[in-house]
């Protein structure tokens, strides 16, 4: 465009330096772009600051909730859950409803009396289950002043079908320790021979088989067998739920926590156990016992027995009911006030794990201990045994060997029985 053709205003404009497109682009890159970056960085710092503030607030809330939860649990645990009444109730209920309870314990009597030849008596007991099948063992140990020690053991297994197995152990060995003279052995030969047959042998006791061996009349034989079936059914029933309910209405067990260090020679079984002193409310215990006949198991047994009696004896047959069971009173409950028992109860699940105590009077010291284990054990019949009818036959042969037929006086005359 020609300069002469410019308007007056255009001519009067100030002249600027000539700038190329490349220079313009370079200036924009060095000035405008860094300013935008500064704005973005400022926004990011502000955003991070807000996020940090939110996280801190959330963590603070979580910490408060945890602290309040710990305080609440502590108040519940120490103010309610660890209350002796609550602990006692839970311990008894857990014992009653536990599916498996193994009990093992001992009673030990020691004496320093000069006129007593017995120094120590120990009876150890163990039972695998409160319902069938179950097994039990009892071992009796006697220590005398002349250094004579005698040990005897009786073991039993009770199966669900009502068959019982029993074993007497160490009978012959114990008799040999007595060092009897020959005259005494001759006088006791009948008993010694019988003991030798019995010793260390498992004997099967089947009530139906024994009844059959007696060759009774059919009606009498069947009635006895069916009544025994009623007994076995009652023994195999589970009354734990009802017993727990009865205890809830009659909380007879009273406990008070004691310091373990205050008990001489105390050896706790676990750090988890608290130690309590036991006492009994006699009236509540009597009320509890009086309610046991009200259980469905007892009622079912009454019905079963009465049905058998009516079946074989007619409508005039003898019947049984709750009125045949005498109730007890608080005066009937014997609890020696000077015999203090202690209980170890787990701190967290309130399981009764052990009961123990001792008493000393007139140079006689008695101590008891009972441990409870809630494991499940398998109970089975012995792999080798003999029926009790074999034992009866052998004892009969020993008694009447060489005597010919057995004569029995029945009041009207003498009956000869071939043996």
Protein backbone atom coordinates (compact mmCIF):
# COMPACT_ATOMS: atom_id res chain seq x y z
CA UNK A 1 0.00 0.00 0.00
CA UNK A 2 1.29 3.40 -0.92
CA UNK A 3 2.16 5.66 1.95
CA UNK A 4 0.57 8.58 0.13
CA UNK A 5 -2.75 6.84 0.20
CA UNK A 6 -2.78 6.39 4.03
CA UNK A 7 -5.21 8.41 6.01
CA UNK A 8 -4.05 11.08 8.29
CA UNK A 9 -4.80 9.02 11.40
CA UNK A 10 -2.87 6.09 10.10
CA UNK A 11 0.08 8.27 9.38
CA UNK A 12 0.00 9.73 12.88
CA UNK A 13 0.23 6.23 14.54
CA UNK A 14 3.57 5.52 16.29
CA UNK A 15 5.80 3.26 14.41
CA UNK A 16 6.89 -0.01 16.00
CA UNK A 17 9.79 -2.23 15.33
CA UNK A 18 9.30 -4.82 12.70
CA UNK A 19 8.66 -8.33 14.20
CA UNK A 20 8.77 -11.58 12.27
CA UNK A 21 6.28 -14.48 12.87
CA UNK A 22 9.07 -16.64 14.29
CA UNK A 23 9.93 -14.02 16.89
CA UNK A 24 6.29 -13.69 17.87
CA UNK A 25 6.00 -17.42 18.48
CA UNK A 26 9.19 -17.45 20.54
CA UNK A 27 7.92 -14.71 22.82
CA UNK A 28 4.63 -16.51 23.43
CA UNK A 29 6.48 -19.66 24.43
CA UNK A 30 8.71 -17.89 26.91
CA UNK A 31 6.07 -15.79 28.58
CA UNK A 32 2.52 -17.26 28.36
CA UNK A 33 3.31 -21.00 28.91
CA UNK A 34 5.30 -20.69 32.19
CA UNK A 35 2.46 -18.62 33.68
CA UNK A 36 -0.03 -21.42 32.95
CA UNK A 37 2.28 -23.98 34.59
CA UNK A 38 2.43 -21.86 37.72
CA UNK A 39 -1.36 -21.89 37.95
CA UNK A 40 -1.52 -25.71 37.54
CA UNK A 41 1.13 -26.26 40.23
CA UNK A 42 -0.76 -24.01 42.59
CA UNK A 43 -3.96 -25.97 41.98
CA UNK A 44 -2.15 -29.29 42.59
CA UNK A 45 -0.69 -28.09 45.89
CA UNK A 46 -4.10 -26.92 47.00
CA UNK A 47 -5.67 -30.27 46.01
CA UNK A 48 -2.95 -32.31 47.82
CA UNK A 49 -3.36 -30.15 50.90
CA UNK A 50 -7.10 -30.88 50.95
CA UNK A 51 -6.51 -34.64 50.48
CA UNK A 52 -4.02 -34.70 53.36
CA UNK A 53 -6.53 -32.90 55.53
CA UNK A 54 -9.26 -35.45 54.67
CA UNK A 55 -6.97 -38.46 55.34
CA UNK A 56 -5.89 -37.03 58.68
CA UNK A 57 -9.50 -36.48 59.68
CA UNK A 58 -10.47 -40.05 58.69
CA UNK A 59 -7.52 -41.52 60.58
CA UNK A 60 -8.47 -39.46 63.60
CA UNK A 61 -12.06 -40.73 63.48
CA UNK A 62 -10.83 -44.33 63.17
CA UNK A 63 -8.51 -43.86 66.15
CA UNK A 64 -11.36 -42.47 68.25
CA UNK A 65 -13.62 -45.37 67.27
CA UNK A 66 -10.92 -47.91 68.19
CA UNK A 67 -10.28 -46.25 71.54
CA UNK A 68 -14.00 -46.11 72.33
CA UNK A 69 -14.34 -49.76 71.25
CA UNK A 70 -11.49 -50.81 73.54
CA UNK A 71 -13.03 -48.88 76.42
CA UNK A 72 -16.44 -50.44 75.72
CA UNK A 73 -15.00 -53.97 75.56
CA UNK A 74 -13.06 -53.37 78.78
CA UNK A 75 -16.20 -52.14 80.56
CA UNK A 76 -18.18 -55.13 79.25
CA UNK A 77 -15.42 -57.65 80.06
CA UNK A 78 -14.55 -56.45 83.55
CA UNK A 79 -17.92 -55.04 84.56
CA UNK A 80 -20.22 -57.78 83.25
CA UNK A 81 -18.49 -60.74 81.63
CA UNK A 82 -16.02 -61.22 84.49
CA UNK A 83 -18.64 -60.80 87.19
CA UNK A 84 -18.51 -63.91 89.45
CA UNK A 85 -22.23 -64.62 89.01
CA UNK A 86 -21.83 -64.50 85.23
CA UNK A 87 -18.69 -66.65 85.35
CA UNK A 88 -20.36 -69.27 87.57
CA UNK A 89 -23.46 -69.44 85.38
CA UNK A 90 -21.44 -69.75 82.16
CA UNK A 91 -19.12 -72.39 83.68
CA UNK A 92 -21.99 -74.65 84.75
CA UNK A 93 -23.93 -74.12 81.52
CA UNK A 94 -20.86 -74.83 79.37
CA UNK A 95 -20.25 -78.01 81.36
CA UNK A 96 -23.85 -79.18 81.01
CA UNK A 97 -24.22 -78.54 77.29
CA UNK A 98 -20.70 -79.53 76.18
CA UNK A 99 -20.94 -82.39 73.64
CA UNK A 100 -17.84 -84.07 75.08
CA UNK A 101 -16.44 -83.96 78.59
CA UNK A 102 -13.64 -86.20 79.89
CA UNK A 103 -13.42 -86.20 83.67
CA UNK A 104 -10.42 -87.43 85.61
CA UNK A 105 -9.74 -87.02 89.27
CA UNK A 106 -8.46 -88.45 92.49
CA UNK A 107 -9.24 -88.71 96.18
CA UNK A 108 -6.21 -89.09 98.43
CA UNK A 109 -6.33 -89.83 102.16
CA UNK A 110 -3.12 -89.73 104.22
CA UNK A 111 -2.75 -90.43 107.92
CA UNK A 112 -0.05 -90.09 110.58
CA UNK A 113 -1.95 -91.99 113.24
CA UNK A 114 0.26 -94.35 115.21
CA UNK A 115 -2.37 -97.06 115.52
CA UNK A 116 -3.08 -97.19 111.79
CA UNK A 117 -1.23 -99.59 109.52
CA UNK A 118 -2.51 -97.73 106.45
CA UNK A 119 -0.43 -94.70 105.49
CA UNK A 120 -2.04 -93.64 102.26
CA UNK A 121 -5.11 -94.45 100.20
CA UNK A 122 -5.51 -93.13 96.68
CA UNK A 123 -8.50 -93.57 94.39
CA UNK A 124 -8.04 -92.37 90.81
CA UNK A 125 -11.04 -92.10 88.52
CA UNK A 126 -11.51 -91.34 84.84
CA UNK A 127 -14.61 -91.25 82.67
CA UNK A 128 -14.72 -90.59 78.93
CA UNK A 129 -18.28 -89.36 78.38
CA UNK A 130 -21.55 -88.66 80.15
CA UNK A 131 -23.59 -90.38 77.42
CA UNK A 132 -23.17 -93.72 75.69
CA UNK A 133 -20.84 -95.15 74.63
CA UNK A 134 -18.61 -94.40 77.59
CA UNK A 135 -15.64 -95.90 79.37
CA UNK A 136 -14.36 -95.51 82.90
CA UNK A 137 -11.39 -96.57 84.98
CA UNK A 138 -10.96 -96.67 88.75
CA UNK A 139 -7.62 -97.46 90.35
CA UNK A 140 -7.19 -98.05 94.07
CA UNK A 141 -3.71 -97.79 95.63
CA UNK A 142 -2.97 -98.69 99.24
CA UNK A 143 0.28 -97.98 101.06
CA UNK A 144 0.93 -99.61 104.43
CA UNK A 145 3.46 -98.91 107.16
CA UNK A 146 5.34 -102.13 106.42
CA UNK A 147 6.23 -100.88 102.92
CA UNK A 148 3.51 -102.99 101.39
CA UNK A 149 1.85 -101.46 98.33
CA UNK A 150 -1.28 -102.81 96.71
CA UNK A 151 -2.79 -101.60 93.44
CA UNK A 152 -6.11 -102.70 92.00
CA UNK A 153 -7.90 -101.48 88.91
CA UNK A 154 -11.43 -101.81 87.53
CA UNK A 155 -12.20 -100.77 83.94
CA UNK A 156 -15.61 -100.66 82.27
CA UNK A 157 -16.99 -99.95 78.81
CA UNK A 158 -20.71 -99.29 78.35
CA UNK A 159 -21.86 -99.52 74.74
CA UNK A 160 -24.90 -97.88 73.18
CA UNK A 161 -26.67 -101.24 72.74
CA UNK A 162 -26.54 -101.83 76.51
CA UNK A 163 -23.70 -104.35 76.50
CA UNK A 164 -21.19 -103.81 79.31
CA UNK A 165 -17.56 -104.90 79.43
CA UNK A 166 -15.68 -105.07 82.72
CA UNK A 167 -12.10 -105.93 83.65
CA UNK A 168 -10.44 -106.46 87.06
CA UNK A 169 -6.68 -106.02 86.92
CA UNK A 170 -3.75 -106.90 89.20
CA UNK A 171 -5.80 -108.96 91.64
CA UNK A 172 -3.45 -111.96 91.72
CA UNK A 173 -0.35 -109.74 91.89
CA UNK A 174 -1.78 -107.85 94.86
CA UNK A 175 -2.57 -111.06 96.71
CA UNK A 176 0.94 -112.35 96.10
CA UNK A 177 2.31 -109.20 97.74
CA UNK A 178 0.50 -110.16 100.93
CA UNK A 179 2.79 -113.22 101.26
CA UNK A 180 0.13 -115.46 102.74
CA UNK A 181 1.25 -118.64 104.47
CA UNK A 182 0.20 -122.01 103.11
CA UNK A 183 -2.52 -122.61 105.70
CA UNK A 184 -4.17 -119.31 104.82
CA UNK A 185 -3.92 -120.10 101.11
CA UNK A 186 -5.56 -123.47 101.69
CA UNK A 187 -8.36 -121.87 103.68
CA UNK A 188 -8.93 -119.29 100.94
CA UNK A 189 -8.36 -121.63 98.02
CA UNK A 190 -11.94 -121.30 96.79
CA UNK A 191 -11.67 -117.51 96.60
CA UNK A 192 -8.15 -117.52 95.23
CA UNK A 193 -9.11 -119.84 92.39
CA UNK A 194 -12.06 -117.60 91.53
CA UNK A 195 -9.87 -114.48 91.57
CA UNK A 196 -7.38 -116.15 89.26
CA UNK A 197 -10.13 -116.81 86.72
CA UNK A 198 -11.40 -113.22 86.88
CA UNK A 199 -8.07 -111.38 86.87
CA UNK A 200 -6.98 -109.35 83.80
CA UNK A 201 -9.79 -110.69 81.63
CA UNK A 202 -12.40 -108.59 79.86
CA UNK A 203 -15.87 -109.93 80.63
CA UNK A 204 -18.89 -109.15 78.50
CA UNK A 205 -22.12 -108.55 80.39
CA UNK A 206 -25.12 -108.86 78.10
CA UNK A 207 -28.31 -108.77 80.15
CA UNK A 208 -30.42 -110.46 77.44
CA UNK A 209 -27.89 -113.29 77.14
CA UNK A 210 -27.79 -113.76 80.90
CA UNK A 211 -31.59 -113.82 81.07
CA UNK A 212 -31.68 -116.43 78.33
CA UNK A 213 -29.14 -118.56 80.18
CA UNK A 214 -31.41 -118.63 83.25
CA UNK A 215 -34.14 -120.34 81.19
CA UNK A 216 -36.98 -118.37 82.78
CA UNK A 217 -40.54 -118.41 81.59
CA UNK A 218 -41.03 -116.55 78.34
CA UNK A 219 -43.21 -113.79 79.82
CA UNK A 220 -40.82 -113.13 82.69
CA UNK A 221 -37.76 -113.23 80.44
CA UNK A 222 -39.22 -110.80 77.89
CA UNK A 223 -40.43 -108.34 80.52
CA UNK A 224 -36.96 -108.11 82.11
CA UNK A 225 -35.33 -107.59 78.72
CA UNK A 226 -37.76 -104.84 77.75
CA UNK A 227 -37.36 -103.00 81.07
CA UNK A 228 -33.60 -103.12 80.60
CA UNK A 229 -34.09 -101.60 77.15
CA UNK A 230 -35.97 -98.75 78.82
CA UNK A 231 -32.98 -98.21 81.14
CA UNK A 232 -30.46 -98.19 78.27
CA UNK A 233 -32.58 -95.75 76.28
CA UNK A 234 -32.72 -93.39 79.26
CA UNK A 235 -28.94 -93.61 79.77
CA UNK A 236 -28.32 -92.81 76.12
CA UNK A 237 -30.55 -89.72 76.07
CA UNK A 238 -29.17 -86.19 76.25
CA UNK A 239 -30.70 -84.09 79.03
CA UNK A 240 -28.06 -81.36 78.95
CA UNK A 241 -30.41 -78.70 77.60
CA UNK A 242 -33.02 -79.32 80.28
CA UNK A 243 -30.41 -79.45 83.02
CA UNK A 244 -28.99 -76.12 81.87
CA UNK A 245 -32.48 -74.61 81.97
CA UNK A 246 -33.08 -75.94 85.48
CA UNK A 247 -29.77 -74.52 86.63
CA UNK A 248 -30.66 -71.15 85.14
CA UNK A 249 -33.69 -71.11 87.45
CA UNK A 250 -31.69 -72.37 90.47
CA UNK A 251 -28.15 -71.01 90.37
CA UNK A 252 -26.82 -72.91 93.36
CA UNK A 253 -23.11 -72.48 92.62
CA UNK A 254 -21.53 -69.40 94.20
CA UNK A 255 -17.93 -68.37 93.53
CA UNK A 256 -15.56 -65.67 94.68
CA UNK A 257 -12.31 -64.89 92.90
CA UNK A 258 -9.19 -65.39 95.00
CA UNK A 259 -5.53 -64.56 94.56
CA UNK A 260 -3.57 -67.56 93.30
CA UNK A 261 -0.55 -66.55 95.37
CA UNK A 262 -2.63 -66.82 98.55
CA UNK A 263 -3.08 -70.60 98.05
CA UNK A 264 -0.17 -72.61 99.41
CA UNK A 265 1.48 -75.04 96.99
CA UNK A 266 -0.85 -73.90 94.22
CA UNK A 267 0.23 -74.82 90.72
CA UNK A 268 -2.11 -73.37 88.14
CA UNK A 269 -2.76 -75.38 85.00
CA UNK A 270 -2.79 -72.33 82.68
CA UNK A 271 -2.27 -68.57 82.71
CA UNK A 272 -5.72 -68.28 81.13
CA UNK A 273 -7.43 -69.66 84.26
CA UNK A 274 -8.78 -67.56 87.10
CA UNK A 275 -9.09 -69.12 90.53
CA UNK A 276 -12.35 -69.05 92.50
CA UNK A 277 -13.50 -70.34 95.86
CA UNK A 278 -16.69 -72.42 95.64
CA UNK A 279 -19.69 -72.43 97.92
CA UNK A 280 -23.16 -73.91 97.53
CA UNK A 281 -26.58 -72.43 98.14
CA UNK A 282 -28.20 -75.51 99.70
CA UNK A 283 -31.78 -74.48 99.07
CA UNK A 284 -31.20 -73.73 95.39
CA UNK A 285 -29.28 -76.99 95.02
CA UNK A 286 -32.17 -78.92 96.55
CA UNK A 287 -34.60 -77.15 94.21
CA UNK A 288 -32.37 -78.02 91.26
CA UNK A 289 -32.18 -81.72 92.18
CA UNK A 290 -35.94 -81.88 92.76
CA UNK A 291 -36.57 -80.73 89.20
CA UNK A 292 -34.48 -83.46 87.56
CA UNK A 293 -37.38 -85.99 87.61
CA UNK A 294 -39.31 -83.49 85.49
CA UNK A 295 -36.98 -83.98 82.53
CA UNK A 296 -38.33 -85.60 79.37
CA UNK A 297 -35.84 -88.45 79.85
CA UNK A 298 -37.26 -89.44 83.23
CA UNK A 299 -40.81 -89.06 82.00
CA UNK A 300 -40.05 -91.20 78.96
CA UNK A 301 -38.55 -93.87 81.21
CA UNK A 302 -41.68 -93.88 83.40
CA UNK A 303 -43.86 -94.30 80.31
CA UNK A 304 -41.63 -97.04 78.89
CA UNK A 305 -41.57 -98.97 82.18
CA UNK A 306 -45.32 -98.62 82.73
CA UNK A 307 -46.05 -99.81 79.19
CA UNK A 308 -43.96 -102.96 79.79
CA UNK A 309 -45.72 -103.62 83.10
CA UNK A 310 -49.17 -103.25 81.53
CA UNK A 311 -48.14 -105.40 78.59
CA UNK A 312 -47.20 -108.37 80.75
CA UNK A 313 -49.10 -107.68 83.96
CA UNK A 314 -52.37 -106.19 82.76
CA UNK A 315 -54.06 -103.02 83.96
CA UNK A 316 -53.49 -103.97 87.60
CA UNK A 317 -49.70 -104.03 87.18
CA UNK A 318 -47.65 -101.72 89.39
CA UNK A 319 -47.03 -98.28 87.88
CA UNK A 320 -44.46 -95.60 88.75
CA UNK A 321 -44.65 -91.81 88.52
CA UNK A 322 -43.19 -88.66 90.06
CA UNK A 323 -44.95 -89.31 93.36
CA UNK A 324 -42.63 -92.29 93.92
CA UNK A 325 -39.59 -89.99 94.08
CA UNK A 326 -39.00 -88.25 97.38
CA UNK A 327 -37.92 -84.63 97.21
CA UNK A 328 -34.95 -83.40 99.20
CA UNK A 329 -34.66 -80.27 101.33
CA UNK A 330 -31.79 -77.94 102.12
CA UNK A 331 -31.18 -79.89 105.33
CA UNK A 332 -30.49 -83.02 103.27
CA UNK A 333 -27.65 -81.32 101.39
CA UNK A 334 -24.34 -82.09 103.09
CA UNK A 335 -21.65 -79.53 102.42
CA UNK A 336 -18.78 -79.41 104.95
CA UNK A 337 -18.20 -75.76 105.75
CA UNK A 338 -14.53 -76.32 106.65
CA UNK A 339 -13.77 -78.17 103.41
CA UNK A 340 -12.97 -75.39 100.95
CA UNK A 341 -13.03 -76.17 97.26
CA UNK A 342 -11.48 -74.10 94.50
CA UNK A 343 -12.30 -73.96 90.82
CA UNK A 344 -10.12 -73.03 87.88
CA UNK A 345 -12.26 -71.33 85.23
CA UNK A 346 -10.89 -70.01 81.96
CA UNK A 347 -10.84 -66.24 81.77
CA UNK A 348 -12.19 -65.82 78.23
CA UNK A 349 -14.59 -68.70 77.46
CA UNK A 350 -15.62 -69.48 81.08
CA UNK A 351 -14.96 -73.20 80.96
CA UNK A 352 -14.64 -75.10 84.22
CA UNK A 353 -11.26 -76.82 83.89
CA UNK A 354 -10.47 -78.06 87.38
CA UNK A 355 -11.88 -78.40 90.90
CA UNK A 356 -9.65 -79.13 93.88
CA UNK A 357 -9.43 -78.79 97.65
CA UNK A 358 -8.11 -80.40 100.80
CA UNK A 359 -8.96 -80.81 104.46
CA UNK A 360 -6.94 -81.88 107.49
CA UNK A 361 -8.53 -83.15 110.69
CA UNK A 362 -7.26 -85.40 113.50
CA UNK A 363 -4.03 -86.35 111.74
CA UNK A 364 -5.96 -87.30 108.61
CA UNK A 365 -5.51 -85.27 105.44
CA UNK A 366 -7.91 -85.63 102.55
CA UNK A 367 -7.43 -83.98 99.17
CA UNK A 368 -9.61 -84.12 96.07
CA UNK A 369 -8.95 -83.04 92.51
CA UNK A 370 -11.09 -83.21 89.39
CA UNK A 371 -9.93 -82.14 85.93
CA UNK A 372 -12.19 -81.67 82.93
CA UNK A 373 -11.19 -81.99 79.31
CA UNK A 374 -13.56 -81.10 76.48
CA UNK A 375 -11.95 -83.25 73.80
CA UNK A 376 -13.86 -85.95 71.92
CA UNK A 377 -12.65 -89.51 72.40
CA UNK A 378 -13.63 -92.67 70.57
CA UNK A 379 -14.96 -95.49 72.75
CA UNK A 380 -15.00 -99.03 71.40
CA UNK A 381 -15.50 -102.50 72.78
CA UNK A 382 -12.43 -104.55 73.77
CA UNK A 383 -10.99 -106.60 70.93
CA UNK A 384 -10.83 -109.70 73.15
CA UNK A 385 -13.34 -110.71 75.83
CA UNK A 386 -15.32 -113.58 77.27
CA UNK A 387 -19.04 -113.65 78.03
CA UNK A 388 -20.02 -113.49 81.68
CA UNK A 389 -21.90 -116.75 81.30
CA UNK A 390 -18.50 -118.46 80.90
CA UNK A 391 -17.39 -116.97 84.21
CA UNK A 392 -20.57 -118.17 85.92
CA UNK A 393 -19.94 -121.67 84.59
CA UNK A 394 -16.32 -121.64 85.77
CA UNK A 395 -17.17 -120.34 89.22
CA UNK A 396 -19.91 -122.96 89.55
CA UNK A 397 -17.46 -125.65 88.59
CA UNK A 398 -14.91 -124.38 91.11
CA UNK A 399 -17.44 -124.24 93.92
CA UNK A 400 -19.03 -127.62 93.33
CA UNK A 401 -16.16 -129.51 91.75
CA UNK A 402 -16.18 -133.08 93.04
CA UNK A 403 -19.31 -132.56 95.11
CA UNK A 404 -21.71 -134.20 92.68
CA UNK A 405 -25.15 -132.68 92.36
CA UNK A 406 -26.10 -129.46 94.11
CA UNK A 407 -28.83 -129.75 96.68
CA UNK A 408 -31.12 -126.73 97.14
CA UNK A 409 -33.62 -126.40 99.99
CA UNK A 410 -36.76 -124.61 98.75
CA UNK A 411 -38.77 -124.84 101.98
CA UNK A 412 -40.80 -127.81 100.80
CA UNK A 413 -38.01 -130.24 100.21
CA UNK A 414 -34.63 -130.70 98.63
CA UNK A 415 -34.07 -130.15 94.90
CA UNK A 416 -31.06 -131.78 93.30
CA UNK A 417 -29.43 -129.78 90.49
CA UNK A 418 -26.82 -131.45 88.32
CA UNK A 419 -23.57 -129.46 88.13
